[in-house]
Amino acid sequence: MADSTYAMASTLLDCLNEQFPQADLPTPGDFCLIAGEQMSEDIDPVNGEDLCCTGRGWVRVGDVYPSSNFPNPDTLAEPCLPTGWAQAFEVGILSCYHPGGDPAAATCAEHNQQAVYDIARIFTLKQVACCFQVKLKENPKWRGRKFLVQSINVSGPRGNCISRVMTVLVSIGKCC
């Protein structure tokens, strides 16, 4: 069985894309798959563009671990283990907190607007999870796969960036 990690990451990205522009928050400037430990919340080193104010929706392929009893990690060494794997994915929405730069300088009305946007980011990520569940059921190769939303966390405001990140675990493949 071919590893379906890339296909699942792409499906999550498609689900994130599908939520805009009907979401009650500004549409990110781009949507991408990213690699590495975390999404960069910084100035683009090539063109000097503020990535936060451009906005970004992303899916990152996270850690993977042996899990014969999803979502629990294997703790025993047996001849035919692992019989399955758990793959983590991160789905995030990065936004600009205060168009003027410093979040501390935001007015009460701007803080209120950010609270509304943050609630919309949470709702949007929940919709991504629902979309992904439907796609798992529709794909004959993925039917019966289990998945678990671990959390939807906030990051920031840090600098001028704020983001919401959903971590999803999916059962992937079998060895024996």
N, C-alpha and C. Protein backbone atom coordinates (compact mmCIF):
# COMPACT_ATOMS: atom_id res chain seq x y z
N MET A 1 0.84 -1.18 0.00
CA MET A 1 0.00 0.00 0.00
C MET A 1 0.88 1.23 0.00
N ALA A 2 0.66 2.10 -0.94
CA ALA A 2 1.45 3.32 -1.03
C ALA A 2 1.11 4.24 0.14
N ASP A 3 2.11 4.93 0.64
CA ASP A 3 1.91 5.87 1.73
C ASP A 3 1.01 7.00 1.25
N SER A 4 0.00 7.31 2.02
CA SER A 4 -0.97 8.33 1.61
C SER A 4 -0.76 9.66 2.33
N THR A 5 0.40 9.85 2.94
CA THR A 5 0.66 11.07 3.70
C THR A 5 0.53 12.32 2.82
N TYR A 6 1.17 12.32 1.66
CA TYR A 6 1.09 13.50 0.79
C TYR A 6 -0.34 13.75 0.34
N ALA A 7 -1.06 12.71 -0.04
CA ALA A 7 -2.44 12.87 -0.49
C ALA A 7 -3.32 13.43 0.62
N MET A 8 -3.11 12.98 1.84
CA MET A 8 -3.91 13.48 2.96
C MET A 8 -3.57 14.93 3.27
N ALA A 9 -2.28 15.27 3.22
CA ALA A 9 -1.88 16.67 3.44
C ALA A 9 -2.50 17.56 2.37
N SER A 10 -2.48 17.12 1.13
CA SER A 10 -3.08 17.90 0.04
C SER A 10 -4.59 18.04 0.23
N THR A 11 -5.23 16.99 0.70
CA THR A 11 -6.67 17.03 0.95
C THR A 11 -6.99 18.03 2.06
N LEU A 12 -6.20 18.02 3.12
CA LEU A 12 -6.40 19.01 4.18
C LEU A 12 -6.23 20.43 3.65
N LEU A 13 -5.23 20.64 2.78
CA LEU A 13 -5.02 21.96 2.20
C LEU A 13 -6.21 22.36 1.31
N ASP A 14 -6.72 21.40 0.54
CA ASP A 14 -7.92 21.67 -0.28
C ASP A 14 -9.09 22.05 0.61
N CYS A 15 -9.28 21.33 1.71
CA CYS A 15 -10.37 21.64 2.64
C CYS A 15 -10.20 23.04 3.22
N LEU A 16 -8.98 23.43 3.55
CA LEU A 16 -8.74 24.78 4.07
C LEU A 16 -9.07 25.82 3.01
N ASN A 17 -8.61 25.60 1.79
CA ASN A 17 -8.91 26.52 0.68
C ASN A 17 -10.41 26.68 0.48
N GLU A 18 -11.15 25.59 0.59
CA GLU A 18 -12.60 25.61 0.34
C GLU A 18 -13.35 26.48 1.33
N GLN A 19 -12.77 26.76 2.47
CA GLN A 19 -13.47 27.55 3.50
C GLN A 19 -13.48 29.05 3.19
N PHE A 20 -12.66 29.48 2.28
CA PHE A 20 -12.58 30.90 1.92
C PHE A 20 -13.21 31.07 0.55
N PRO A 21 -13.86 32.15 0.20
CA PRO A 21 -14.03 33.39 0.96
C PRO A 21 -15.27 33.42 1.85
N GLN A 22 -16.02 32.31 2.02
CA GLN A 22 -17.22 32.37 2.85
C GLN A 22 -16.90 32.51 4.33
N ALA A 23 -15.65 32.35 4.73
CA ALA A 23 -15.26 32.54 6.12
C ALA A 23 -15.38 34.02 6.49
N ASP A 24 -15.69 34.27 7.76
CA ASP A 24 -15.86 35.64 8.23
C ASP A 24 -14.54 36.25 8.68
N LEU A 25 -13.52 36.11 7.86
CA LEU A 25 -12.22 36.71 8.13
C LEU A 25 -11.50 36.92 6.80
N PRO A 26 -10.50 37.79 6.78
CA PRO A 26 -9.80 38.03 5.52
C PRO A 26 -9.18 36.74 4.96
N THR A 27 -9.27 36.59 3.65
CA THR A 27 -8.68 35.43 2.98
C THR A 27 -7.17 35.56 2.96
N PRO A 28 -6.45 34.52 3.39
CA PRO A 28 -4.99 34.57 3.33
C PRO A 28 -4.50 34.79 1.89
N GLY A 29 -3.35 35.44 1.77
CA GLY A 29 -2.77 35.71 0.46
C GLY A 29 -2.31 34.46 -0.25
N ASP A 30 -1.95 33.43 0.50
CA ASP A 30 -1.57 32.17 -0.14
C ASP A 30 -1.84 31.00 0.79
N PHE A 31 -1.90 29.83 0.17
CA PHE A 31 -2.12 28.56 0.86
C PHE A 31 -1.03 27.62 0.41
N CYS A 32 -0.36 26.94 1.35
CA CYS A 32 0.73 26.08 0.93
C CYS A 32 0.97 24.93 1.91
N LEU A 33 1.62 23.90 1.38
CA LEU A 33 2.17 22.83 2.21
C LEU A 33 3.54 23.31 2.67
N ILE A 34 3.86 23.12 3.92
CA ILE A 34 5.18 23.53 4.41
C ILE A 34 5.87 22.35 5.07
N ALA A 35 7.18 22.42 5.13
CA ALA A 35 8.00 21.40 5.78
C ALA A 35 8.73 22.03 6.96
N GLY A 36 9.18 21.21 7.85
CA GLY A 36 9.96 21.72 8.97
C GLY A 36 9.17 21.71 10.27
N GLU A 37 9.76 22.34 11.27
CA GLU A 37 9.19 22.32 12.60
C GLU A 37 8.00 23.25 12.78
N GLN A 38 8.02 24.40 12.11
CA GLN A 38 6.92 25.34 12.30
C GLN A 38 6.81 26.28 11.12
N MET A 39 5.68 26.95 11.05
CA MET A 39 5.44 27.95 10.03
C MET A 39 6.20 29.21 10.41
N SER A 40 6.87 29.83 9.44
CA SER A 40 7.62 31.06 9.69
C SER A 40 6.67 32.24 9.78
N GLU A 41 6.73 32.94 10.90
CA GLU A 41 5.92 34.15 11.11
C GLU A 41 6.87 35.33 11.03
N ASP A 42 7.24 35.72 9.83
CA ASP A 42 8.29 36.72 9.72
C ASP A 42 8.16 37.49 8.42
N ILE A 43 9.17 38.30 8.17
CA ILE A 43 9.30 39.04 6.92
C ILE A 43 9.94 38.11 5.88
N ASP A 44 9.37 38.08 4.67
CA ASP A 44 9.94 37.27 3.60
C ASP A 44 11.34 37.81 3.30
N PRO A 45 12.38 36.97 3.40
CA PRO A 45 13.75 37.44 3.19
C PRO A 45 14.05 37.85 1.75
N VAL A 46 13.25 37.38 0.80
CA VAL A 46 13.49 37.69 -0.61
C VAL A 46 12.89 39.03 -1.00
N ASN A 47 11.60 39.22 -0.68
CA ASN A 47 10.94 40.45 -1.14
C ASN A 47 10.59 41.42 -0.02
N GLY A 48 10.88 41.08 1.23
CA GLY A 48 10.64 41.99 2.35
C GLY A 48 9.16 42.10 2.73
N GLU A 49 8.31 41.25 2.19
CA GLU A 49 6.87 41.32 2.47
C GLU A 49 6.56 40.76 3.86
N ASP A 50 5.67 41.43 4.59
CA ASP A 50 5.23 40.99 5.90
C ASP A 50 4.26 39.82 5.70
N LEU A 51 4.71 38.59 5.99
CA LEU A 51 3.89 37.40 5.77
C LEU A 51 2.61 37.42 6.60
N CYS A 52 2.67 38.05 7.77
CA CYS A 52 1.47 38.09 8.61
C CYS A 52 0.36 38.89 7.94
N CYS A 53 0.71 40.08 7.44
CA CYS A 53 -0.34 40.92 6.86
C CYS A 53 -0.78 40.42 5.49
N THR A 54 0.05 39.65 4.81
CA THR A 54 -0.38 38.98 3.59
C THR A 54 -1.34 37.85 3.95
N GLY A 55 -1.06 37.20 5.05
CA GLY A 55 -1.86 36.07 5.50
C GLY A 55 -1.41 34.79 4.82
N ARG A 56 -1.53 33.70 5.54
CA ARG A 56 -1.16 32.41 4.97
C ARG A 56 -2.00 31.32 5.61
N GLY A 57 -2.49 30.43 4.78
CA GLY A 57 -3.12 29.20 5.24
C GLY A 57 -2.14 28.09 4.92
N TRP A 58 -1.95 27.15 5.83
CA TRP A 58 -0.95 26.12 5.56
C TRP A 58 -1.34 24.78 6.17
N VAL A 59 -0.70 23.76 5.61
CA VAL A 59 -0.73 22.41 6.18
C VAL A 59 0.72 21.97 6.29
N ARG A 60 1.09 21.50 7.46
CA ARG A 60 2.44 21.00 7.69
C ARG A 60 2.34 19.54 8.09
N VAL A 61 3.17 18.70 7.47
CA VAL A 61 3.25 17.30 7.85
C VAL A 61 4.11 17.23 9.11
N GLY A 62 3.52 16.72 10.18
CA GLY A 62 4.20 16.69 11.47
C GLY A 62 4.82 15.35 11.77
N ASP A 63 4.90 15.06 13.03
CA ASP A 63 5.55 13.84 13.50
C ASP A 63 4.73 12.60 13.14
N VAL A 64 5.42 11.48 13.08
CA VAL A 64 4.79 10.18 12.84
C VAL A 64 5.33 9.21 13.88
N TYR A 65 4.47 8.30 14.33
CA TYR A 65 4.92 7.30 15.29
C TYR A 65 4.16 6.00 15.08
N PRO A 66 4.76 4.86 15.47
CA PRO A 66 4.07 3.58 15.33
C PRO A 66 2.86 3.53 16.27
N SER A 67 1.73 3.09 15.72
CA SER A 67 0.49 3.05 16.50
C SER A 67 -0.37 1.89 16.00
N SER A 68 -0.25 0.76 16.64
CA SER A 68 -1.07 -0.40 16.28
C SER A 68 -2.47 -0.29 16.85
N ASN A 69 -2.64 0.57 17.86
CA ASN A 69 -3.93 0.82 18.49
C ASN A 69 -4.15 2.34 18.49
N PHE A 70 -4.47 2.89 17.32
CA PHE A 70 -4.60 4.33 17.12
C PHE A 70 -5.56 4.94 18.13
N PRO A 71 -5.22 6.07 18.74
CA PRO A 71 -4.07 6.95 18.52
C PRO A 71 -2.90 6.70 19.47
N ASN A 72 -2.95 5.57 20.20
CA ASN A 72 -1.90 5.30 21.19
C ASN A 72 -0.61 4.86 20.52
N PRO A 73 0.53 5.37 20.98
CA PRO A 73 1.82 4.91 20.44
C PRO A 73 2.13 3.50 20.92
N ASP A 74 2.81 2.73 20.06
CA ASP A 74 3.26 1.40 20.45
C ASP A 74 4.32 1.52 21.54
N THR A 75 4.23 0.60 22.50
CA THR A 75 5.23 0.59 23.58
C THR A 75 5.93 -0.75 23.69
N LEU A 76 5.51 -1.73 22.88
CA LEU A 76 6.11 -3.06 22.92
C LEU A 76 6.81 -3.37 21.61
N ALA A 77 7.83 -4.21 21.70
CA ALA A 77 8.51 -4.70 20.50
C ALA A 77 8.02 -6.12 20.24
N GLU A 78 7.26 -6.29 19.19
CA GLU A 78 6.72 -7.58 18.81
C GLU A 78 7.18 -7.89 17.39
N PRO A 79 7.18 -9.17 16.98
CA PRO A 79 7.65 -9.52 15.64
C PRO A 79 6.91 -8.82 14.50
N CYS A 80 5.63 -8.55 14.68
CA CYS A 80 4.87 -7.97 13.58
C CYS A 80 4.38 -6.55 13.89
N LEU A 81 5.04 -5.86 14.76
CA LEU A 81 4.67 -4.48 15.05
C LEU A 81 5.66 -3.55 14.36
N PRO A 82 5.28 -2.40 13.93
CA PRO A 82 3.94 -1.84 14.09
C PRO A 82 3.01 -2.34 13.00
N THR A 83 1.75 -2.47 13.35
CA THR A 83 0.75 -2.81 12.34
C THR A 83 0.08 -1.55 11.80
N GLY A 84 0.46 -0.41 12.31
CA GLY A 84 -0.08 0.85 11.84
C GLY A 84 0.77 2.01 12.31
N TRP A 85 0.44 3.18 11.78
CA TRP A 85 1.16 4.41 12.10
C TRP A 85 0.17 5.52 12.39
N ALA A 86 0.59 6.46 13.20
CA ALA A 86 -0.19 7.69 13.42
C ALA A 86 0.62 8.83 12.82
N GLN A 87 -0.02 9.61 11.98
CA GLN A 87 0.63 10.75 11.31
C GLN A 87 -0.03 12.03 11.79
N ALA A 88 0.78 12.97 12.26
CA ALA A 88 0.25 14.27 12.68
C ALA A 88 0.31 15.25 11.52
N PHE A 89 -0.73 16.06 11.41
CA PHE A 89 -0.77 17.17 10.45
C PHE A 89 -1.14 18.42 11.22
N GLU A 90 -0.59 19.54 10.78
CA GLU A 90 -0.89 20.82 11.37
C GLU A 90 -1.57 21.66 10.29
N VAL A 91 -2.73 22.22 10.61
CA VAL A 91 -3.46 23.10 9.69
C VAL A 91 -3.54 24.45 10.37
N GLY A 92 -3.06 25.50 9.68
CA GLY A 92 -3.02 26.80 10.34
C GLY A 92 -3.46 27.96 9.47
N ILE A 93 -3.83 29.03 10.15
CA ILE A 93 -4.21 30.29 9.51
C ILE A 93 -3.42 31.39 10.20
N LEU A 94 -2.56 32.07 9.44
CA LEU A 94 -1.72 33.16 9.93
C LEU A 94 -2.29 34.49 9.46
N SER A 95 -2.37 35.45 10.37
CA SER A 95 -2.94 36.76 10.05
C SER A 95 -2.15 37.87 10.72
N CYS A 96 -2.42 39.07 10.24
CA CYS A 96 -1.85 40.30 10.79
C CYS A 96 -2.72 40.74 11.97
N TYR A 97 -2.10 41.05 13.11
CA TYR A 97 -2.89 41.47 14.26
C TYR A 97 -3.28 42.93 14.16
N HIS A 98 -2.34 43.79 13.87
CA HIS A 98 -2.60 45.23 13.84
C HIS A 98 -1.94 45.82 12.60
N PRO A 99 -2.74 46.32 11.66
CA PRO A 99 -2.17 46.82 10.40
C PRO A 99 -1.05 47.84 10.58
N GLY A 100 -1.06 48.57 11.69
CA GLY A 100 -0.03 49.57 11.92
C GLY A 100 1.28 48.98 12.42
N GLY A 101 1.29 47.72 12.80
CA GLY A 101 2.52 47.08 13.25
C GLY A 101 2.45 46.54 14.65
N ASP A 102 2.51 47.37 15.67
CA ASP A 102 2.62 46.94 17.06
C ASP A 102 1.25 46.58 17.64
N PRO A 103 1.02 45.29 18.00
CA PRO A 103 -0.27 44.90 18.58
C PRO A 103 -0.62 45.68 19.85
N ALA A 104 0.40 46.09 20.60
CA ALA A 104 0.15 46.85 21.83
C ALA A 104 -0.49 48.20 21.53
N ALA A 105 -0.30 48.71 20.30
CA ALA A 105 -0.85 50.02 19.92
C ALA A 105 -2.27 49.91 19.36
N ALA A 106 -2.80 48.70 19.29
CA ALA A 106 -4.14 48.53 18.74
C ALA A 106 -5.17 49.19 19.65
N THR A 107 -6.20 49.74 19.04
CA THR A 107 -7.30 50.35 19.80
C THR A 107 -8.21 49.24 20.33
N CYS A 108 -9.11 49.61 21.21
CA CYS A 108 -10.07 48.63 21.74
C CYS A 108 -10.91 48.06 20.60
N ALA A 109 -11.31 48.90 19.66
CA ALA A 109 -12.10 48.42 18.51
C ALA A 109 -11.29 47.41 17.68
N GLU A 110 -9.98 47.64 17.51
CA GLU A 110 -9.13 46.70 16.76
C GLU A 110 -8.97 45.39 17.53
N HIS A 111 -8.82 45.46 18.86
CA HIS A 111 -8.76 44.23 19.67
C HIS A 111 -10.07 43.46 19.54
N ASN A 112 -11.19 44.17 19.59
CA ASN A 112 -12.49 43.52 19.42
C ASN A 112 -12.58 42.83 18.07
N GLN A 113 -12.11 43.51 17.00
CA GLN A 113 -12.14 42.91 15.66
C GLN A 113 -11.28 41.67 15.61
N GLN A 114 -10.11 41.70 16.25
CA GLN A 114 -9.24 40.52 16.28
C GLN A 114 -9.89 39.37 17.02
N ALA A 115 -10.65 39.67 18.07
CA ALA A 115 -11.37 38.61 18.79
C ALA A 115 -12.41 37.96 17.87
N VAL A 116 -13.11 38.78 17.10
CA VAL A 116 -14.08 38.25 16.14
C VAL A 116 -13.37 37.39 15.09
N TYR A 117 -12.24 37.88 14.57
CA TYR A 117 -11.48 37.11 13.58
C TYR A 117 -10.96 35.80 14.18
N ASP A 118 -10.53 35.84 15.45
CA ASP A 118 -10.01 34.64 16.08
C ASP A 118 -11.09 33.58 16.21
N ILE A 119 -12.29 33.99 16.59
CA ILE A 119 -13.40 33.06 16.67
C ILE A 119 -13.71 32.50 15.28
N ALA A 120 -13.61 33.34 14.26
CA ALA A 120 -13.83 32.87 12.87
C ALA A 120 -12.74 31.89 12.45
N ARG A 121 -11.49 32.10 12.89
CA ARG A 121 -10.42 31.14 12.57
C ARG A 121 -10.71 29.79 13.21
N ILE A 122 -11.19 29.81 14.46
CA ILE A 122 -11.55 28.56 15.14
C ILE A 122 -12.65 27.84 14.36
N PHE A 123 -13.70 28.56 14.01
CA PHE A 123 -14.82 27.97 13.26
C PHE A 123 -14.33 27.41 11.93
N THR A 124 -13.48 28.16 11.24
CA THR A 124 -12.96 27.73 9.94
C THR A 124 -12.18 26.42 10.07
N LEU A 125 -11.35 26.32 11.10
CA LEU A 125 -10.58 25.08 11.30
C LEU A 125 -11.49 23.91 11.66
N LYS A 126 -12.56 24.17 12.40
CA LYS A 126 -13.54 23.10 12.66
C LYS A 126 -14.17 22.64 11.36
N GLN A 127 -14.46 23.58 10.46
CA GLN A 127 -15.03 23.23 9.16
C GLN A 127 -14.04 22.40 8.33
N VAL A 128 -12.75 22.70 8.45
CA VAL A 128 -11.72 21.91 7.77
C VAL A 128 -11.78 20.47 8.28
N ALA A 129 -11.91 20.29 9.59
CA ALA A 129 -11.99 18.94 10.15
C ALA A 129 -13.22 18.21 9.61
N CYS A 130 -14.36 18.90 9.51
CA CYS A 130 -15.57 18.27 8.96
C CYS A 130 -15.38 17.89 7.50
N CYS A 131 -14.77 18.78 6.72
CA CYS A 131 -14.50 18.52 5.31
C CYS A 131 -13.58 17.30 5.18
N PHE A 132 -12.53 17.24 6.00
CA PHE A 132 -11.59 16.13 5.94
C PHE A 132 -12.28 14.81 6.27
N GLN A 133 -13.18 14.84 7.24
CA GLN A 133 -13.92 13.63 7.60
C GLN A 133 -14.73 13.12 6.41
N VAL A 134 -15.37 14.04 5.69
CA VAL A 134 -16.15 13.66 4.51
C VAL A 134 -15.23 13.06 3.45
N LYS A 135 -14.07 13.69 3.22
CA LYS A 135 -13.13 13.21 2.20
C LYS A 135 -12.60 11.82 2.56
N LEU A 136 -12.37 11.56 3.86
CA LEU A 136 -11.92 10.23 4.28
C LEU A 136 -12.97 9.18 3.93
N LYS A 137 -14.24 9.52 4.14
CA LYS A 137 -15.32 8.58 3.85
C LYS A 137 -15.53 8.38 2.36
N GLU A 138 -15.29 9.43 1.56
CA GLU A 138 -15.52 9.36 0.11
C GLU A 138 -14.44 8.57 -0.62
N ASN A 139 -13.21 8.60 -0.12
CA ASN A 139 -12.10 7.94 -0.79
C ASN A 139 -12.08 6.46 -0.41
N PRO A 140 -12.28 5.56 -1.38
CA PRO A 140 -12.31 4.13 -1.05
C PRO A 140 -11.04 3.63 -0.36
N LYS A 141 -9.90 4.22 -0.68
CA LYS A 141 -8.64 3.80 -0.06
C LYS A 141 -8.55 4.24 1.40
N TRP A 142 -9.31 5.26 1.78
CA TRP A 142 -9.22 5.82 3.13
C TRP A 142 -10.40 5.47 4.01
N ARG A 143 -11.42 4.85 3.46
CA ARG A 143 -12.61 4.52 4.25
C ARG A 143 -12.23 3.72 5.48
N GLY A 144 -12.76 4.12 6.60
CA GLY A 144 -12.47 3.42 7.84
C GLY A 144 -11.26 3.95 8.58
N ARG A 145 -10.51 4.85 7.94
CA ARG A 145 -9.36 5.45 8.63
C ARG A 145 -9.87 6.32 9.78
N LYS A 146 -9.20 6.21 10.87
CA LYS A 146 -9.55 7.02 12.03
C LYS A 146 -8.73 8.30 12.01
N PHE A 147 -9.33 9.35 12.53
CA PHE A 147 -8.57 10.57 12.74
C PHE A 147 -9.06 11.25 14.01
N LEU A 148 -8.21 12.07 14.57
CA LEU A 148 -8.48 12.71 15.84
C LEU A 148 -7.96 14.14 15.77
N VAL A 149 -8.82 15.10 16.08
CA VAL A 149 -8.35 16.48 16.23
C VAL A 149 -7.84 16.58 17.66
N GLN A 150 -6.52 16.83 17.78
CA GLN A 150 -5.93 16.92 19.12
C GLN A 150 -6.24 18.25 19.78
N SER A 151 -6.14 19.33 19.01
CA SER A 151 -6.34 20.65 19.60
C SER A 151 -6.40 21.71 18.50
N ILE A 152 -6.91 22.87 18.88
CA ILE A 152 -6.82 24.08 18.05
C ILE A 152 -6.25 25.14 18.97
N ASN A 153 -4.97 25.47 18.75
CA ASN A 153 -4.25 26.39 19.62
C ASN A 153 -4.05 27.74 18.97
N VAL A 154 -3.89 28.75 19.81
CA VAL A 154 -3.56 30.10 19.34
C VAL A 154 -2.06 30.34 19.51
N SER A 155 -1.51 31.12 18.62
CA SER A 155 -0.11 31.54 18.72
C SER A 155 -0.09 33.05 18.50
N GLY A 156 0.41 33.78 19.47
CA GLY A 156 0.52 35.23 19.34
C GLY A 156 -0.58 35.95 20.08
N PRO A 157 -0.64 37.28 19.91
CA PRO A 157 0.17 37.94 18.90
C PRO A 157 1.65 37.95 19.28
N ARG A 158 2.46 37.61 18.30
CA ARG A 158 3.91 37.61 18.43
C ARG A 158 4.40 38.50 17.30
N GLY A 159 5.11 39.56 17.66
CA GLY A 159 5.41 40.56 16.65
C GLY A 159 4.07 41.13 16.21
N ASN A 160 3.77 41.02 14.95
CA ASN A 160 2.48 41.48 14.43
C ASN A 160 1.63 40.32 13.94
N CYS A 161 2.00 39.11 14.34
CA CYS A 161 1.34 37.91 13.82
C CYS A 161 0.46 37.26 14.87
N ILE A 162 -0.65 36.72 14.40
CA ILE A 162 -1.50 35.87 15.23
C ILE A 162 -1.94 34.70 14.35
N SER A 163 -2.00 33.52 14.94
CA SER A 163 -2.44 32.37 14.16
C SER A 163 -3.21 31.40 15.04
N ARG A 164 -4.00 30.59 14.37
CA ARG A 164 -4.66 29.45 14.99
C ARG A 164 -4.15 28.22 14.27
N VAL A 165 -3.86 27.18 15.04
CA VAL A 165 -3.29 25.95 14.48
C VAL A 165 -4.05 24.75 15.03
N MET A 166 -4.54 23.93 14.09
CA MET A 166 -5.23 22.70 14.46
C MET A 166 -4.29 21.52 14.21
N THR A 167 -4.16 20.65 15.20
CA THR A 167 -3.35 19.44 15.05
C THR A 167 -4.28 18.25 14.88
N VAL A 168 -4.05 17.51 13.80
CA VAL A 168 -4.88 16.36 13.45
C VAL A 168 -3.98 15.13 13.39
N LEU A 169 -4.41 14.05 14.03
CA LEU A 169 -3.74 12.75 13.93
C LEU A 169 -4.57 11.85 13.03
N VAL A 170 -3.91 11.13 12.13
CA VAL A 170 -4.60 10.23 11.20
C VAL A 170 -3.90 8.87 11.24
N SER A 171 -4.69 7.81 11.24
CA SER A 171 -4.08 6.47 11.14
C SER A 171 -3.64 6.26 9.70
N ILE A 172 -2.40 5.87 9.53
CA ILE A 172 -1.80 5.72 8.20
C ILE A 172 -1.16 4.35 8.07
N GLY A 173 -1.55 3.61 7.07
CA GLY A 173 -0.85 2.40 6.65
C GLY A 173 -0.68 1.31 7.68
N LYS A 174 -0.26 0.17 7.15
CA LYS A 174 0.01 -1.01 7.98
C LYS A 174 1.26 -1.67 7.48
N CYS A 175 1.95 -2.34 8.38
CA CYS A 175 3.18 -3.04 7.98
C CYS A 175 2.92 -4.52 7.71
N CYS A 176 2.10 -5.16 8.53
CA CYS A 176 1.90 -6.61 8.43
C CYS A 176 0.47 -6.95 8.11
